[in-house]
Amino acid sequence: MKVIILFMIIFPILLAKTDSTQVDSIQIDCSQDQWFGQDKVLHMTGSVGLVLGLNEIGGINTQSALIGTFTIGMLKEVYDKKYGSGCFSFKDIIANSIGIVIGFLFILNTG
């Protein structure tokens, strides 16, 4: 179980772009946010990993792990709106939510 959690946490990091020449202050056209792509895979797998990781921390129950993961995703979008791309992406929230559901199903099926 710990190997799977570790994989789910590291996988999104490996998928992330590592181009250090990208300028953080570039504003992105919010209408170009796509439903499918690397960004949505990162959101889904990151949420799965976060749910599983938080669920394994002592003293944190499954419900808290789910709520905590959703809250972190929302805060990330608020941060993106204010300091990042300038966009609050509801598509990212949907991808996060799908990842949360997958993580919850994994917890239910593995006990």
C-alpha atoms as a PDB file:
ATOM      1  CA  MET A   1       0.000   0.000   0.000  1.00  0.00           C
ATOM      2  CA  LYS A   2       2.809   2.432   0.853  1.00  0.00           C
ATOM      3  CA  VAL A   3       4.450   1.778  -2.529  1.00  0.00           C
ATOM      4  CA  ILE A   4       1.223   2.703  -4.325  1.00  0.00           C
ATOM      5  CA  ILE A   5       0.858   5.880  -2.268  1.00  0.00           C
ATOM      6  CA  LEU A   6       4.452   6.836  -2.974  1.00  0.00           C
ATOM      7  CA  PHE A   7       3.880   6.217  -6.689  1.00  0.00           C
ATOM      8  CA  MET A   8       0.710   8.337  -6.687  1.00  0.00           C
ATOM      9  CA  ILE A   9       2.590  11.213  -5.065  1.00  0.00           C
ATOM     10  CA  ILE A  10       5.694  11.001  -7.272  1.00  0.00           C
ATOM     11  CA  PHE A  11       3.919  10.301 -10.600  1.00  0.00           C
ATOM     12  CA  PRO A  12       2.503  13.834 -10.988  1.00  0.00           C
ATOM     13  CA  ILE A  13       5.878  15.316 -10.172  1.00  0.00           C
ATOM     14  CA  LEU A  14       7.482  13.240 -12.930  1.00  0.00           C
ATOM     15  CA  LEU A  15       4.820  14.398 -15.403  1.00  0.00           C
ATOM     16  CA  ALA A  16       5.214  18.052 -14.507  1.00  0.00           C
ATOM     17  CA  LYS A  17       6.971  20.331 -16.934  1.00  0.00           C
ATOM     18  CA  THR A  18      10.528  21.064 -15.918  1.00  0.00           C
ATOM     19  CA  ASP A  19      11.160  23.946 -18.293  1.00  0.00           C
ATOM     20  CA  SER A  20      12.915  26.497 -16.100  1.00  0.00           C
ATOM     21  CA  THR A  21      12.857  29.105 -18.870  1.00  0.00           C
ATOM     22  CA  GLN A  22       9.086  29.599 -18.504  1.00  0.00           C
ATOM     23  CA  VAL A  23       8.214  32.935 -16.933  1.00  0.00           C
ATOM     24  CA  ASP A  24       5.756  32.637 -14.046  1.00  0.00           C
ATOM     25  CA  SER A  25       4.166  36.017 -14.692  1.00  0.00           C
ATOM     26  CA  ILE A  26       2.828  35.116 -18.171  1.00  0.00           C
ATOM     27  CA  GLN A  27      -0.953  35.462 -18.297  1.00  0.00           C
ATOM     28  CA  ILE A  28      -2.753  32.591 -20.019  1.00  0.00           C
ATOM     29  CA  ASP A  29      -5.967  32.927 -21.997  1.00  0.00           C
ATOM     30  CA  CYS A  30      -8.471  31.250 -19.656  1.00  0.00           C
ATOM     31  CA  SER A  31     -10.699  30.203 -22.543  1.00  0.00           C
ATOM     32  CA  GLN A  32      -7.955  27.846 -23.743  1.00  0.00           C
ATOM     33  CA  ASP A  33      -8.248  25.615 -20.667  1.00  0.00           C
ATOM     34  CA  GLN A  34      -8.799  22.135 -22.088  1.00  0.00           C
ATOM     35  CA  TRP A  35     -10.766  19.251 -20.584  1.00  0.00           C
ATOM     36  CA  PHE A  36      -8.060  16.706 -21.378  1.00  0.00           C
ATOM     37  CA  GLY A  37      -4.285  16.908 -21.235  1.00  0.00           C
ATOM     38  CA  GLN A  38      -1.234  16.713 -19.047  1.00  0.00           C
ATOM     39  CA  ASP A  39      -2.534  19.358 -16.638  1.00  0.00           C
ATOM     40  CA  LYS A  40      -5.723  17.412 -15.909  1.00  0.00           C
ATOM     41  CA  VAL A  41      -3.750  14.160 -15.443  1.00  0.00           C
ATOM     42  CA  LEU A  42      -1.577  15.990 -12.914  1.00  0.00           C
ATOM     43  CA  HIS A  43      -4.635  17.244 -11.056  1.00  0.00           C
ATOM     44  CA  MET A  44      -6.251  13.787 -10.964  1.00  0.00           C
ATOM     45  CA  THR A  45      -3.165  11.826  -9.947  1.00  0.00           C
ATOM     46  CA  GLY A  46      -2.133  14.505  -7.482  1.00  0.00           C
ATOM     47  CA  SER A  47      -5.543  14.331  -5.813  1.00  0.00           C
ATOM     48  CA  VAL A  48      -5.445  10.519  -5.669  1.00  0.00           C
ATOM     49  CA  GLY A  49      -1.994  10.647  -4.106  1.00  0.00           C
ATOM     50  CA  LEU A  50      -2.997  13.339  -1.639  1.00  0.00           C
ATOM     51  CA  VAL A  51      -6.133  11.450  -0.527  1.00  0.00           C
ATOM     52  CA  LEU A  52      -4.163   8.231  -0.050  1.00  0.00           C
ATOM     53  CA  GLY A  53      -1.272  10.004   1.632  1.00  0.00           C
ATOM     54  CA  LEU A  54      -3.453  11.971   4.044  1.00  0.00           C
ATOM     55  CA  ASN A  55      -5.491   8.855   4.804  1.00  0.00           C
ATOM     56  CA  GLU A  56      -2.317   7.037   5.880  1.00  0.00           C
ATOM     57  CA  ILE A  57      -1.244   9.775   8.307  1.00  0.00           C
ATOM     58  CA  GLY A  58      -2.036   8.752  11.842  1.00  0.00           C
ATOM     59  CA  GLY A  59      -5.007  10.533  13.385  1.00  0.00           C
ATOM     60  CA  ILE A  60      -6.563  11.585  10.065  1.00  0.00           C
ATOM     61  CA  ASN A  61      -9.690   9.725   9.022  1.00  0.00           C
ATOM     62  CA  THR A  62     -10.899   9.179   5.460  1.00  0.00           C
ATOM     63  CA  GLN A  63     -13.460  11.990   5.573  1.00  0.00           C
ATOM     64  CA  SER A  64     -10.811  14.490   6.678  1.00  0.00           C
ATOM     65  CA  ALA A  65      -8.475  13.270   3.921  1.00  0.00           C
ATOM     66  CA  LEU A  66     -11.205  13.824   1.301  1.00  0.00           C
ATOM     67  CA  ILE A  67     -12.160  17.278   2.590  1.00  0.00           C
ATOM     68  CA  GLY A  68      -8.521  18.268   3.026  1.00  0.00           C
ATOM     69  CA  THR A  69      -7.650  17.255  -0.525  1.00  0.00           C
ATOM     70  CA  PHE A  70     -10.618  19.155  -1.965  1.00  0.00           C
ATOM     71  CA  THR A  71      -9.688  22.225   0.087  1.00  0.00           C
ATOM     72  CA  ILE A  72      -6.079  22.111  -1.097  1.00  0.00           C
ATOM     73  CA  GLY A  73      -7.294  21.906  -4.707  1.00  0.00           C
ATOM     74  CA  MET A  74      -9.572  24.913  -4.223  1.00  0.00           C
ATOM     75  CA  LEU A  75      -6.804  26.910  -2.569  1.00  0.00           C
ATOM     76  CA  LYS A  76      -4.479  26.054  -5.450  1.00  0.00           C
ATOM     77  CA  GLU A  77      -7.015  27.473  -7.917  1.00  0.00           C
ATOM     78  CA  VAL A  78      -7.446  30.629  -5.824  1.00  0.00           C
ATOM     79  CA  TYR A  79      -3.646  30.971  -5.789  1.00  0.00           C
ATOM     80  CA  ASP A  80      -3.556  30.509  -9.590  1.00  0.00           C
ATOM     81  CA  LYS A  81      -6.192  33.220 -10.011  1.00  0.00           C
ATOM     82  CA  LYS A  82      -4.363  35.722  -7.824  1.00  0.00           C
ATOM     83  CA  TYR A  83      -0.668  34.950  -8.387  1.00  0.00           C
ATOM     84  CA  GLY A  84      -0.376  32.380 -11.179  1.00  0.00           C
ATOM     85  CA  SER A  85      -1.994  32.177 -14.587  1.00  0.00           C
ATOM     86  CA  GLY A  86      -4.840  34.535 -13.717  1.00  0.00           C
ATOM     87  CA  CYS A  87      -7.409  31.759 -14.216  1.00  0.00           C
ATOM     88  CA  PHE A  88      -9.595  29.904 -11.759  1.00  0.00           C
ATOM     89  CA  SER A  89     -10.171  26.632 -13.591  1.00  0.00           C
ATOM     90  CA  PHE A  90     -13.392  24.770 -12.874  1.00  0.00           C
ATOM     91  CA  LYS A  91     -12.049  22.047 -15.164  1.00  0.00           C
ATOM     92  CA  ASP A  92      -9.133  21.596 -12.766  1.00  0.00           C
ATOM     93  CA  ILE A  93     -11.600  21.320  -9.879  1.00  0.00           C
ATOM     94  CA  ILE A  94     -13.484  18.607 -11.787  1.00  0.00           C
ATOM     95  CA  ALA A  95     -10.198  16.760 -12.431  1.00  0.00           C
ATOM     96  CA  ASN A  96      -9.327  17.088  -8.727  1.00  0.00           C
ATOM     97  CA  SER A  97     -12.760  15.747  -7.789  1.00  0.00           C
ATOM     98  CA  ILE A  98     -12.381  12.744 -10.077  1.00  0.00           C
ATOM     99  CA  GLY A  99      -9.022  12.025  -8.438  1.00  0.00           C
ATOM    100  CA  ILE A 100     -10.620  12.317  -4.988  1.00  0.00           C
ATOM    101  CA  VAL A 101     -13.320   9.811  -5.967  1.00  0.00           C
ATOM    102  CA  ILE A 102     -10.716   7.397  -7.374  1.00  0.00           C
ATOM    103  CA  GLY A 103      -8.698   7.701  -4.166  1.00  0.00           C
ATOM    104  CA  PHE A 104     -11.794   7.109  -2.049  1.00  0.00           C
ATOM    105  CA  LEU A 105     -12.733   4.035  -4.103  1.00  0.00           C
ATOM    106  CA  PHE A 106      -9.203   2.729  -3.672  1.00  0.00           C
ATOM    107  CA  ILE A 107      -9.464   3.188   0.100  1.00  0.00           C
ATOM    108  CA  LEU A 108     -12.845   1.429   0.190  1.00  0.00           C
ATOM    109  CA  ASN A 109     -11.563  -1.539  -1.821  1.00  0.00           C
ATOM    110  CA  THR A 110      -8.325  -2.015   0.109  1.00  0.00           C
ATOM    111  CA  GLY A 111      -9.719  -1.620   3.599  1.00  0.00           C
END
